[in-house]
Amino acid sequence: MTDRNPPRAASTGRNAKWSTIHSIRPIGGEIRRHEAEGRLAWVIAVREREALQARIVYAFRHHLEAGGPGPAEADLLLFAQAAIAEQRMARALGEARSTFTARRR
């Protein structure tokens, strides 16, 4: 027979202060709205960059296999701008997280 209440790790449950992976956000706590909005903006930037990257790769593949035109210069420029914006957002999120962590200590 199986146990109806399997044993849980000591750091789980409502009374746990931090998760087992030592994340910054306490279990059951709320992510600050500003941080959540920043993460969402970063995720959107990553998806846009990946979509542009796939479009450029498809254009290069089509150019090599069928001899058609390569990717448009505007697509390459937009991809570069999206990649830079994504890196800046990631850096800003990391700095904000480290500042928040330093203030809590």
C-alpha atoms as a PDB file:
ATOM      1  CA  MET A   1       0.000   0.000   0.000  1.00  0.00           C
ATOM      2  CA  THR A   2       1.126   3.533  -0.635  1.00  0.00           C
ATOM      3  CA  ASP A   3       1.291   6.178   2.017  1.00  0.00           C
ATOM      4  CA  ARG A   4      -1.470   8.768   1.673  1.00  0.00           C
ATOM      5  CA  ASN A   5       0.750  11.541   2.987  1.00  0.00           C
ATOM      6  CA  PRO A   6       4.230  11.066   1.552  1.00  0.00           C
ATOM      7  CA  PRO A   7       7.026  12.766   3.500  1.00  0.00           C
ATOM      8  CA  ARG A   8       7.881  16.270   2.352  1.00  0.00           C
ATOM      9  CA  ALA A   9      11.192  18.035   2.423  1.00  0.00           C
ATOM     10  CA  ALA A  10      11.786  20.217   5.463  1.00  0.00           C
ATOM     11  CA  SER A  11      11.772  23.405   3.396  1.00  0.00           C
ATOM     12  CA  THR A  12       8.364  22.931   1.810  1.00  0.00           C
ATOM     13  CA  GLY A  13       4.979  23.976   3.028  1.00  0.00           C
ATOM     14  CA  ARG A  14       3.390  27.183   4.204  1.00  0.00           C
ATOM     15  CA  ASN A  15       5.878  27.857   6.996  1.00  0.00           C
ATOM     16  CA  ALA A  16       8.952  27.618   4.790  1.00  0.00           C
ATOM     17  CA  LYS A  17      10.769  30.889   4.425  1.00  0.00           C
ATOM     18  CA  TRP A  18      12.764  30.141   1.269  1.00  0.00           C
ATOM     19  CA  SER A  19      12.468  27.576  -1.474  1.00  0.00           C
ATOM     20  CA  THR A  20      14.941  24.724  -1.729  1.00  0.00           C
ATOM     21  CA  ILE A  21      16.739  26.390  -4.616  1.00  0.00           C
ATOM     22  CA  HIS A  22      17.250  29.530  -2.525  1.00  0.00           C
ATOM     23  CA  SER A  23      15.403  31.838  -4.838  1.00  0.00           C
ATOM     24  CA  ILE A  24      15.026  35.476  -3.985  1.00  0.00           C
ATOM     25  CA  ARG A  25      11.251  35.219  -3.814  1.00  0.00           C
ATOM     26  CA  PRO A  26       9.902  33.544  -0.682  1.00  0.00           C
ATOM     27  CA  ILE A  27       7.509  30.644  -1.144  1.00  0.00           C
ATOM     28  CA  GLY A  28       3.975  31.939  -1.153  1.00  0.00           C
ATOM     29  CA  GLY A  29       5.205  35.529  -1.475  1.00  0.00           C
ATOM     30  CA  GLU A  30       4.358  37.858  -4.264  1.00  0.00           C
ATOM     31  CA  ILE A  31       6.759  38.997  -6.913  1.00  0.00           C
ATOM     32  CA  ARG A  32       7.007  42.747  -6.908  1.00  0.00           C
ATOM     33  CA  ARG A  33       4.928  44.252  -9.702  1.00  0.00           C
ATOM     34  CA  HIS A  34       7.863  46.144 -11.175  1.00  0.00           C
ATOM     35  CA  GLU A  35       9.983  42.997 -11.324  1.00  0.00           C
ATOM     36  CA  ALA A  36       7.140  40.989 -12.855  1.00  0.00           C
ATOM     37  CA  GLU A  37       6.603  43.622 -15.548  1.00  0.00           C
ATOM     38  CA  GLY A  38      10.335  43.644 -16.277  1.00  0.00           C
ATOM     39  CA  ARG A  39      10.428  39.871 -16.606  1.00  0.00           C
ATOM     40  CA  LEU A  40       7.425  39.915 -18.924  1.00  0.00           C
ATOM     41  CA  ALA A  41       9.023  42.584 -21.119  1.00  0.00           C
ATOM     42  CA  TRP A  42      12.231  40.543 -21.259  1.00  0.00           C
ATOM     43  CA  VAL A  43      10.347  37.349 -22.208  1.00  0.00           C
ATOM     44  CA  ILE A  44       8.562  39.238 -24.995  1.00  0.00           C
ATOM     45  CA  ALA A  45      11.898  40.626 -26.230  1.00  0.00           C
ATOM     46  CA  VAL A  46      13.406  37.123 -26.269  1.00  0.00           C
ATOM     47  CA  ARG A  47      10.476  35.758 -28.272  1.00  0.00           C
ATOM     48  CA  GLU A  48      10.649  38.605 -30.771  1.00  0.00           C
ATOM     49  CA  ARG A  49      14.381  38.100 -31.231  1.00  0.00           C
ATOM     50  CA  GLU A  50      13.918  34.360 -31.708  1.00  0.00           C
ATOM     51  CA  ALA A  51      11.192  34.948 -34.302  1.00  0.00           C
ATOM     52  CA  LEU A  52      13.425  37.363 -36.216  1.00  0.00           C
ATOM     53  CA  GLN A  53      16.310  34.917 -35.982  1.00  0.00           C
ATOM     54  CA  ALA A  54      14.180  32.103 -37.402  1.00  0.00           C
ATOM     55  CA  ARG A  55      13.060  34.386 -40.237  1.00  0.00           C
ATOM     56  CA  ILE A  56      16.670  35.262 -41.090  1.00  0.00           C
ATOM     57  CA  VAL A  57      17.787  31.623 -40.944  1.00  0.00           C
ATOM     58  CA  TYR A  58      14.898  30.637 -43.227  1.00  0.00           C
ATOM     59  CA  ALA A  59      15.856  33.372 -45.707  1.00  0.00           C
ATOM     60  CA  PHE A  60      19.509  32.266 -45.723  1.00  0.00           C
ATOM     61  CA  ARG A  61      18.494  28.636 -46.182  1.00  0.00           C
ATOM     62  CA  HIS A  62      16.181  29.572 -49.036  1.00  0.00           C
ATOM     63  CA  HIS A  63      18.980  31.633 -50.588  1.00  0.00           C
ATOM     64  CA  LEU A  64      21.454  28.741 -50.410  1.00  0.00           C
ATOM     65  CA  GLU A  65      19.083  26.000 -51.557  1.00  0.00           C
ATOM     66  CA  ALA A  66      16.952  27.774 -54.161  1.00  0.00           C
ATOM     67  CA  GLY A  67      19.081  30.765 -55.050  1.00  0.00           C
ATOM     68  CA  GLY A  68      16.494  33.272 -53.935  1.00  0.00           C
ATOM     69  CA  PRO A  69      17.221  36.560 -52.207  1.00  0.00           C
ATOM     70  CA  GLY A  70      18.855  36.471 -48.807  1.00  0.00           C
ATOM     71  CA  PRO A  71      17.460  38.162 -45.716  1.00  0.00           C
ATOM     72  CA  ALA A  72      16.513  41.782 -46.079  1.00  0.00           C
ATOM     73  CA  GLU A  73      18.828  44.387 -44.616  1.00  0.00           C
ATOM     74  CA  ALA A  74      15.934  45.700 -42.530  1.00  0.00           C
ATOM     75  CA  ASP A  75      15.475  42.237 -40.951  1.00  0.00           C
ATOM     76  CA  LEU A  76      19.162  42.080 -40.027  1.00  0.00           C
ATOM     77  CA  LEU A  77      19.074  45.569 -38.533  1.00  0.00           C
ATOM     78  CA  LEU A  78      15.894  44.817 -36.595  1.00  0.00           C
ATOM     79  CA  PHE A  79      17.433  41.578 -35.314  1.00  0.00           C
ATOM     80  CA  ALA A  80      20.530  43.423 -34.075  1.00  0.00           C
ATOM     81  CA  GLN A  81      18.384  46.027 -32.310  1.00  0.00           C
ATOM     82  CA  ALA A  82      16.214  43.335 -30.712  1.00  0.00           C
ATOM     83  CA  ALA A  83      19.287  41.413 -29.492  1.00  0.00           C
ATOM     84  CA  ILE A  84      20.774  44.554 -27.940  1.00  0.00           C
ATOM     85  CA  ALA A  85      17.470  45.436 -26.255  1.00  0.00           C
ATOM     86  CA  GLU A  86      17.189  41.883 -24.890  1.00  0.00           C
ATOM     87  CA  GLN A  87      20.700  42.035 -23.424  1.00  0.00           C
ATOM     88  CA  ARG A  88      20.018  45.419 -21.816  1.00  0.00           C
ATOM     89  CA  MET A  89      16.800  44.135 -20.256  1.00  0.00           C
ATOM     90  CA  ALA A  90      18.538  41.032 -18.916  1.00  0.00           C
ATOM     91  CA  ARG A  91      21.330  43.158 -17.450  1.00  0.00           C
ATOM     92  CA  ALA A  92      18.854  45.579 -15.860  1.00  0.00           C
ATOM     93  CA  LEU A  93      16.884  42.697 -14.324  1.00  0.00           C
ATOM     94  CA  GLY A  94      20.077  41.181 -12.944  1.00  0.00           C
ATOM     95  CA  GLU A  95      21.201  44.493 -11.457  1.00  0.00           C
ATOM     96  CA  ALA A  96      17.777  45.110  -9.938  1.00  0.00           C
ATOM     97  CA  ARG A  97      17.763  41.626  -8.423  1.00  0.00           C
ATOM     98  CA  SER A  98      21.254  42.020  -6.962  1.00  0.00           C
ATOM     99  CA  THR A  99      20.374  45.446  -5.545  1.00  0.00           C
ATOM    100  CA  PHE A 100      17.209  44.037  -3.988  1.00  0.00           C
ATOM    101  CA  THR A 101      19.141  41.101  -2.521  1.00  0.00           C
ATOM    102  CA  ALA A 102      21.834  43.392  -1.119  1.00  0.00           C
ATOM    103  CA  ARG A 103      19.234  45.584   0.566  1.00  0.00           C
ATOM    104  CA  ARG A 104      17.586  42.571   2.230  1.00  0.00           C
ATOM    105  CA  ARG A 105      20.818  41.408   3.880  1.00  0.00           C
END
